[in-house]
Amino acid sequence: MPRLKHVNYMLIAQSESPYSVLTEARQWHENLAAARIALAWRLRTKEDRDRKIVLGKCLKVTDLQKEFHTYDFIILLNQEYWVRFDAKQKLALVDHELCHARPDLGNTGAQKTDERGRLVWRHRKADLEEFAKAIRDRELVQQPSLLDPVPPRRSLNVDNATGITTDGAVGTNTV
């Protein structure tokens, strides 16, 4: 019998608790009020060749994907780590991923629309200084590293002052 292929993603039902975290984090992102955001689990995440692990990722939905569903963004959450996070860590992670989502503004400052009347969105790269300031201002981090309570399993390159990996993810160093 052939081996079954693993499916590494699973849409999170809107009735599940991560959507409560998303709702709470959206309070700081008024510019995303009209954005349709889905959450999905990333299962069986492995380290990359630099020994980093992704805890979350914000994906802008493509025009082709919008033909199949109505979302503007999908936020992938690393299920293995999510279950070990406390409430503030979960909120900080979702808040960080929302920082990547932005309306695409035209020359007049108004949000662009496509030929089908849908709002146009963009994905922006991580601004680590802005994110570090946001998590301090929102009092989401009280310790040097966001994930200190989580028993480390993998080595990450982390700024110990902010708890953010050099690639923009939230992480911790192993000791």
Foldseek 3Di string as FASTA:
>chain_A
DDDDDDDFKAWDDCVDDLVVLLVVLCVVVVQCPVAAETEMEGEPWDADPVQDTFQKAKAADDPVVCVVPPGGIYMYGHPVVVVVADSLLSNLQSNLNVVQKHFPADPVRDGDADPVRHTHIGGHAGDVVVSQVVCVVVVSDDAQARCVVPQDDIAFQADSNRQAGPRGHRHDGHD
